[in-house]
Amino acid sequence: MLAAVAGGVLAVQLIVVRPLLTRRTDAVLRGDAPSGSRTHLAYVALELVKLGVLIALGITALGITAAA
């Protein structure tokens, strides 16, 4: 389940967010001044979600449990 969530987040980043960031970068390199964008914040938020999921996956895989 956790691996599927991490994979889903990665897919959203690759299919949705990165192309938007690439278009914005291309516009800046052309000399255009695009308006403000929250796309980078969305990418960072997805990275944080992915980090949390991967940490949880690692804890689960190692069988680490909280001391009772």
PDB file of N, CA and C in Angstrom:
ATOM      1  N   MET A   1       0.823  -1.196   0.000  1.00  0.00           N
ATOM      2  CA  MET A   1       0.000   0.000   0.000  1.00  0.00           C
ATOM      3  C   MET A   1       0.868   1.261   0.000  1.00  0.00           C
ATOM      4  N   LEU A   2       1.857   1.319   0.908  1.00  0.00           N
ATOM      5  CA  LEU A   2       2.710   2.502   0.983  1.00  0.00           C
ATOM      6  C   LEU A   2       3.538   2.677  -0.285  1.00  0.00           C
ATOM      7  N   ALA A   3       4.003   1.570  -0.833  1.00  0.00           N
ATOM      8  CA  ALA A   3       4.782   1.648  -2.072  1.00  0.00           C
ATOM      9  C   ALA A   3       3.924   2.183  -3.214  1.00  0.00           C
ATOM     10  N   ALA A   4       2.659   1.809  -3.235  1.00  0.00           N
ATOM     11  CA  ALA A   4       1.751   2.302  -4.269  1.00  0.00           C
ATOM     12  C   ALA A   4       1.530   3.806  -4.124  1.00  0.00           C
ATOM     13  N   VAL A   5       1.435   4.281  -2.896  1.00  0.00           N
ATOM     14  CA  VAL A   5       1.273   5.719  -2.661  1.00  0.00           C
ATOM     15  C   VAL A   5       2.517   6.468  -3.141  1.00  0.00           C
ATOM     16  N   ALA A   6       3.694   5.959  -2.785  1.00  0.00           N
ATOM     17  CA  ALA A   6       4.937   6.592  -3.230  1.00  0.00           C
ATOM     18  C   ALA A   6       5.021   6.596  -4.756  1.00  0.00           C
ATOM     19  N   GLY A   7       4.643   5.490  -5.370  1.00  0.00           N
ATOM     20  CA  GLY A   7       4.641   5.414  -6.827  1.00  0.00           C
ATOM     21  C   GLY A   7       3.644   6.370  -7.451  1.00  0.00           C
ATOM     22  N   GLY A   8       2.492   6.503  -6.821  1.00  0.00           N
ATOM     23  CA  GLY A   8       1.480   7.433  -7.320  1.00  0.00           C
ATOM     24  C   GLY A   8       1.940   8.878  -7.246  1.00  0.00           C
ATOM     25  N   VAL A   9       2.571   9.228  -6.138  1.00  0.00           N
ATOM     26  CA  VAL A   9       3.099  10.587  -5.986  1.00  0.00           C
ATOM     27  C   VAL A   9       4.171  10.849  -7.038  1.00  0.00           C
ATOM     28  N   LEU A  10       5.050   9.884  -7.237  1.00  0.00           N
ATOM     29  CA  LEU A  10       6.093  10.025  -8.251  1.00  0.00           C
ATOM     30  C   LEU A  10       5.479  10.194  -9.639  1.00  0.00           C
ATOM     31  N   ALA A  11       4.452   9.416  -9.931  1.00  0.00           N
ATOM     32  CA  ALA A  11       3.787   9.520 -11.234  1.00  0.00           C
ATOM     33  C   ALA A  11       3.185  10.907 -11.433  1.00  0.00           C
ATOM     34  N   VAL A  12       2.547  11.443 -10.402  1.00  0.00           N
ATOM     35  CA  VAL A  12       1.969  12.791 -10.502  1.00  0.00           C
ATOM     36  C   VAL A  12       3.075  13.818 -10.748  1.00  0.00           C
ATOM     37  N   GLN A  13       4.182  13.666 -10.050  1.00  0.00           N
ATOM     38  CA  GLN A  13       5.293  14.590 -10.256  1.00  0.00           C
ATOM     39  C   GLN A  13       5.804  14.534 -11.692  1.00  0.00           C
ATOM     40  N   LEU A  14       5.992  13.328 -12.204  1.00  0.00           N
ATOM     41  CA  LEU A  14       6.569  13.169 -13.537  1.00  0.00           C
ATOM     42  C   LEU A  14       5.608  13.538 -14.656  1.00  0.00           C
ATOM     43  N   ILE A  15       4.333  13.203 -14.488  1.00  0.00           N
ATOM     44  CA  ILE A  15       3.364  13.379 -15.568  1.00  0.00           C
ATOM     45  C   ILE A  15       2.706  14.753 -15.546  1.00  0.00           C
ATOM     46  N   VAL A  16       2.504  15.311 -14.350  1.00  0.00           N
ATOM     47  CA  VAL A  16       1.760  16.567 -14.241  1.00  0.00           C
ATOM     48  C   VAL A  16       2.667  17.748 -13.905  1.00  0.00           C
ATOM     49  N   VAL A  17       3.393  17.637 -12.810  1.00  0.00           N
ATOM     50  CA  VAL A  17       4.089  18.810 -12.276  1.00  0.00           C
ATOM     51  C   VAL A  17       5.353  19.156 -13.064  1.00  0.00           C
ATOM     52  N   ARG A  18       6.177  18.174 -13.367  1.00  0.00           N
ATOM     53  CA  ARG A  18       7.436  18.482 -14.066  1.00  0.00           C
ATOM     54  C   ARG A  18       7.231  19.132 -15.429  1.00  0.00           C
ATOM     55  N   PRO A  19       6.264  18.668 -16.239  1.00  0.00           N
ATOM     56  CA  PRO A  19       6.048  19.376 -17.510  1.00  0.00           C
ATOM     57  C   PRO A  19       5.653  20.843 -17.312  1.00  0.00           C
ATOM     58  N   LEU A  20       4.876  21.123 -16.272  1.00  0.00           N
ATOM     59  CA  LEU A  20       4.514  22.515 -15.988  1.00  0.00           C
ATOM     60  C   LEU A  20       5.749  23.326 -15.601  1.00  0.00           C
ATOM     61  N   LEU A  21       6.609  22.732 -14.792  1.00  0.00           N
ATOM     62  CA  LEU A  21       7.844  23.418 -14.410  1.00  0.00           C
ATOM     63  C   LEU A  21       8.751  23.634 -15.619  1.00  0.00           C
ATOM     64  N   THR A  22       8.785  22.657 -16.508  1.00  0.00           N
ATOM     65  CA  THR A  22       9.615  22.775 -17.713  1.00  0.00           C
ATOM     66  C   THR A  22       9.115  23.900 -18.607  1.00  0.00           C
ATOM     67  N   ARG A  23       7.790  23.998 -18.766  1.00  0.00           N
ATOM     68  CA  ARG A  23       7.231  25.080 -19.584  1.00  0.00           C
ATOM     69  C   ARG A  23       7.570  26.445 -19.000  1.00  0.00           C
ATOM     70  N   ARG A  24       7.485  26.539 -17.682  1.00  0.00           N
ATOM     71  CA  ARG A  24       7.806  27.806 -17.018  1.00  0.00           C
ATOM     72  C   ARG A  24       9.290  28.139 -17.207  1.00  0.00           C
ATOM     73  N   THR A  25      10.153  27.151 -17.053  1.00  0.00           N
ATOM     74  CA  THR A  25      11.588  27.366 -17.245  1.00  0.00           C
ATOM     75  C   THR A  25      11.878  27.812 -18.671  1.00  0.00           C
ATOM     76  N   ASP A  26      11.250  27.158 -19.633  1.00  0.00           N
ATOM     77  CA  ASP A  26      11.445  27.534 -21.036  1.00  0.00           C
ATOM     78  C   ASP A  26      11.009  28.977 -21.283  1.00  0.00           C
ATOM     79  N   ALA A  27       9.898  29.381 -20.675  1.00  0.00           N
ATOM     80  CA  ALA A  27       9.414  30.756 -20.835  1.00  0.00           C
ATOM     81  C   ALA A  27      10.411  31.756 -20.251  1.00  0.00           C
ATOM     82  N   VAL A  28      10.952  31.444 -19.095  1.00  0.00           N
ATOM     83  CA  VAL A  28      11.936  32.335 -18.470  1.00  0.00           C
ATOM     84  C   VAL A  28      13.187  32.426 -19.338  1.00  0.00           C
ATOM     85  N   LEU A  29      13.634  31.298 -19.874  1.00  0.00           N
ATOM     86  CA  LEU A  29      14.824  31.300 -20.724  1.00  0.00           C
ATOM     87  C   LEU A  29      14.607  32.062 -22.028  1.00  0.00           C
ATOM     88  N   ARG A  30      13.359  32.122 -22.501  1.00  0.00           N
ATOM     89  CA  ARG A  30      13.028  32.905 -23.699  1.00  0.00           C
ATOM     90  C   ARG A  30      12.988  34.396 -23.394  1.00  0.00           C
ATOM     91  N   GLY A  31      12.995  34.747 -22.122  1.00  0.00           N
ATOM     92  CA  GLY A  31      12.937  36.156 -21.745  1.00  0.00           C
ATOM     93  C   GLY A  31      11.554  36.610 -21.341  1.00  0.00           C
ATOM     94  N   ASP A  32      10.586  35.710 -21.369  1.00  0.00           N
ATOM     95  CA  ASP A  32       9.244  36.059 -20.916  1.00  0.00           C
ATOM     96  C   ASP A  32       9.261  36.218 -19.401  1.00  0.00           C
ATOM     97  N   ALA A  33       8.295  36.930 -18.908  1.00  0.00           N
ATOM     98  CA  ALA A  33       8.161  37.094 -17.460  1.00  0.00           C
ATOM     99  C   ALA A  33       6.823  36.494 -17.040  1.00  0.00           C
ATOM    100  N   PRO A  34       6.784  35.168 -16.859  1.00  0.00           N
ATOM    101  CA  PRO A  34       5.514  34.549 -16.479  1.00  0.00           C
ATOM    102  C   PRO A  34       5.060  35.024 -15.105  1.00  0.00           C
ATOM    103  N   SER A  35       3.756  35.014 -14.924  1.00  0.00           N
ATOM    104  CA  SER A  35       3.199  35.430 -13.636  1.00  0.00           C
ATOM    105  C   SER A  35       3.573  34.415 -12.563  1.00  0.00           C
ATOM    106  N   GLY A  36       3.277  34.765 -11.335  1.00  0.00           N
ATOM    107  CA  GLY A  36       3.593  33.879 -10.215  1.00  0.00           C
ATOM    108  C   GLY A  36       2.977  32.501 -10.393  1.00  0.00           C
ATOM    109  N   SER A  37       3.662  31.511  -9.873  1.00  0.00           N
ATOM    110  CA  SER A  37       3.192  30.138 -10.007  1.00  0.00           C
ATOM    111  C   SER A  37       3.392  29.397  -8.699  1.00  0.00           C
ATOM    112  N   ARG A  38       2.457  28.541  -8.391  1.00  0.00           N
ATOM    113  CA  ARG A  38       2.571  27.718  -7.194  1.00  0.00           C
ATOM    114  C   ARG A  38       3.007  26.293  -7.543  1.00  0.00           C
ATOM    115  N   THR A  39       3.405  26.096  -8.777  1.00  0.00           N
ATOM    116  CA  THR A  39       3.782  24.762  -9.233  1.00  0.00           C
ATOM    117  C   THR A  39       4.982  24.228  -8.461  1.00  0.00           C
ATOM    118  N   HIS A  40       5.950  25.094  -8.198  1.00  0.00           N
ATOM    119  CA  HIS A  40       7.131  24.650  -7.462  1.00  0.00           C
ATOM    120  C   HIS A  40       6.748  24.250  -6.043  1.00  0.00           C
ATOM    121  N   LEU A  41       5.845  24.993  -5.433  1.00  0.00           N
ATOM    122  CA  LEU A  41       5.378  24.631  -4.090  1.00  0.00           C
ATOM    123  C   LEU A  41       4.663  23.286  -4.108  1.00  0.00           C
ATOM    124  N   ALA A  42       3.905  23.028  -5.160  1.00  0.00           N
ATOM    125  CA  ALA A  42       3.232  21.731  -5.282  1.00  0.00           C
ATOM    126  C   ALA A  42       4.255  20.611  -5.396  1.00  0.00           C
ATOM    127  N   TYR A  43       5.323  20.852  -6.152  1.00  0.00           N
ATOM    128  CA  TYR A  43       6.372  19.841  -6.302  1.00  0.00           C
ATOM    129  C   TYR A  43       7.032  19.557  -4.955  1.00  0.00           C
ATOM    130  N   VAL A  44       7.338  20.611  -4.213  1.00  0.00           N
ATOM    131  CA  VAL A  44       7.962  20.446  -2.893  1.00  0.00           C
ATOM    132  C   VAL A  44       7.015  19.723  -1.943  1.00  0.00           C
ATOM    133  N   ALA A  45       5.736  20.073  -1.972  1.00  0.00           N
ATOM    134  CA  ALA A  45       4.760  19.398  -1.112  1.00  0.00           C
ATOM    135  C   ALA A  45       4.685  17.912  -1.440  1.00  0.00           C
ATOM    136  N   LEU A  46       4.687  17.576  -2.718  1.00  0.00           N
ATOM    137  CA  LEU A  46       4.665  16.169  -3.115  1.00  0.00           C
ATOM    138  C   LEU A  46       5.943  15.456  -2.681  1.00  0.00           C
ATOM    139  N   GLU A  47       7.073  16.153  -2.736  1.00  0.00           N
ATOM    140  CA  GLU A  47       8.331  15.566  -2.257  1.00  0.00           C
ATOM    141  C   GLU A  47       8.244  15.256  -0.764  1.00  0.00           C
ATOM    142  N   LEU A  48       7.645  16.154   0.003  1.00  0.00           N
ATOM    143  CA  LEU A  48       7.506  15.924   1.442  1.00  0.00           C
ATOM    144  C   LEU A  48       6.581  14.748   1.728  1.00  0.00           C
ATOM    145  N   VAL A  49       5.498  14.646   0.961  1.00  0.00           N
ATOM    146  CA  VAL A  49       4.596  13.499   1.112  1.00  0.00           C
ATOM    147  C   VAL A  49       5.352  12.218   0.791  1.00  0.00           C
ATOM    148  N   LYS A  50       6.086  12.236  -0.307  1.00  0.00           N
ATOM    149  CA  LYS A  50       6.853  11.058  -0.717  1.00  0.00           C
ATOM    150  C   LYS A  50       7.890  10.688   0.340  1.00  0.00           C
ATOM    151  N   LEU A  51       8.551  11.678   0.914  1.00  0.00           N
ATOM    152  CA  LEU A  51       9.532  11.422   1.965  1.00  0.00           C
ATOM    153  C   LEU A  51       8.884  10.738   3.162  1.00  0.00           C
ATOM    154  N   GLY A  52       7.746  11.255   3.596  1.00  0.00           N
ATOM    155  CA  GLY A  52       7.046  10.644   4.725  1.00  0.00           C
ATOM    156  C   GLY A  52       6.622   9.219   4.440  1.00  0.00           C
ATOM    157  N   VAL A  53       6.117   8.985   3.245  1.00  0.00           N
ATOM    158  CA  VAL A  53       5.678   7.642   2.867  1.00  0.00           C
ATOM    159  C   VAL A  53       6.868   6.684   2.803  1.00  0.00           C
ATOM    160  N   LEU A  54       7.981   7.148   2.251  1.00  0.00           N
ATOM    161  CA  LEU A  54       9.158   6.279   2.162  1.00  0.00           C
ATOM    162  C   LEU A  54       9.748   5.983   3.539  1.00  0.00           C
ATOM    163  N   ILE A  55       9.710   6.943   4.440  1.00  0.00           N
ATOM    164  CA  ILE A  55      10.158   6.683   5.814  1.00  0.00           C
ATOM    165  C   ILE A  55       9.250   5.647   6.465  1.00  0.00           C
ATOM    166  N   ALA A  56       7.939   5.821   6.305  1.00  0.00           N
ATOM    167  CA  ALA A  56       6.990   4.854   6.864  1.00  0.00           C
ATOM    168  C   ALA A  56       7.198   3.475   6.247  1.00  0.00           C
ATOM    169  N   LEU A  57       7.465   3.432   4.960  1.00  0.00           N
ATOM    170  CA  LEU A  57       7.717   2.158   4.281  1.00  0.00           C
ATOM    171  C   LEU A  57       8.977   1.496   4.832  1.00  0.00           C
ATOM    172  N   GLY A  58      10.013   2.287   5.055  1.00  0.00           N
ATOM    173  CA  GLY A  58      11.243   1.747   5.625  1.00  0.00           C
ATOM    174  C   GLY A  58      11.042   1.214   7.030  1.00  0.00           C
ATOM    175  N   ILE A  59      10.295   1.949   7.838  1.00  0.00           N
ATOM    176  CA  ILE A  59      10.005   1.496   9.201  1.00  0.00           C
ATOM    177  C   ILE A  59       9.213   0.200   9.169  1.00  0.00           C
ATOM    178  N   THR A  60       8.234   0.141   8.278  1.00  0.00           N
ATOM    179  CA  THR A  60       7.427  -1.072   8.144  1.00  0.00           C
ATOM    180  C   THR A  60       8.286  -2.246   7.678  1.00  0.00           C
ATOM    181  N   ALA A  61       9.146  -2.001   6.713  1.00  0.00           N
ATOM    182  CA  ALA A  61       9.985  -3.073   6.172  1.00  0.00           C
ATOM    183  C   ALA A  61      10.962  -3.608   7.214  1.00  0.00           C
ATOM    184  N   LEU A  62      11.447  -2.728   8.080  1.00  0.00           N
ATOM    185  CA  LEU A  62      12.389  -3.151   9.113  1.00  0.00           C
ATOM    186  C   LEU A  62      11.692  -3.726  10.342  1.00  0.00           C
ATOM    187  N   GLY A  63      10.386  -3.585  10.388  1.00  0.00           N
ATOM    188  CA  GLY A  63       9.627  -4.125  11.514  1.00  0.00           C
ATOM    189  C   GLY A  63       9.832  -3.347  12.800  1.00  0.00           C
ATOM    190  N   ILE A  64      10.172  -2.084  12.680  1.00  0.00           N
ATOM    191  CA  ILE A  64      10.376  -1.251  13.862  1.00  0.00           C
ATOM    192  C   ILE A  64       9.017  -0.856  14.421  1.00  0.00           C
ATOM    193  N   THR A  65       8.845  -1.090  15.711  1.00  0.00           N
ATOM    194  CA  THR A  65       7.599  -0.705  16.365  1.00  0.00           C
ATOM    195  C   THR A  65       7.919   0.183  17.548  1.00  0.00           C
ATOM    196  N   ALA A  66       6.942   0.937  17.967  1.00  0.00           N
ATOM    197  CA  ALA A  66       7.121   1.809  19.123  1.00  0.00           C
ATOM    198  C   ALA A  66       7.217   0.962  20.384  1.00  0.00           C
ATOM    199  N   ALA A  67       8.041   1.403  21.312  1.00  0.00           N
ATOM    200  CA  ALA A  67       8.172   0.685  22.589  1.00  0.00           C
ATOM    201  C   ALA A  67       6.866   0.804  23.355  1.00  0.00           C
ATOM    202  N   ALA A  68       6.402  -0.335  23.864  1.00  0.00           N
ATOM    203  CA  ALA A  68       5.119  -0.330  24.573  1.00  0.00           C
ATOM    204  C   ALA A  68       5.315  -0.109  26.046  1.00  0.00           C
TER     205      ALA A  68
END
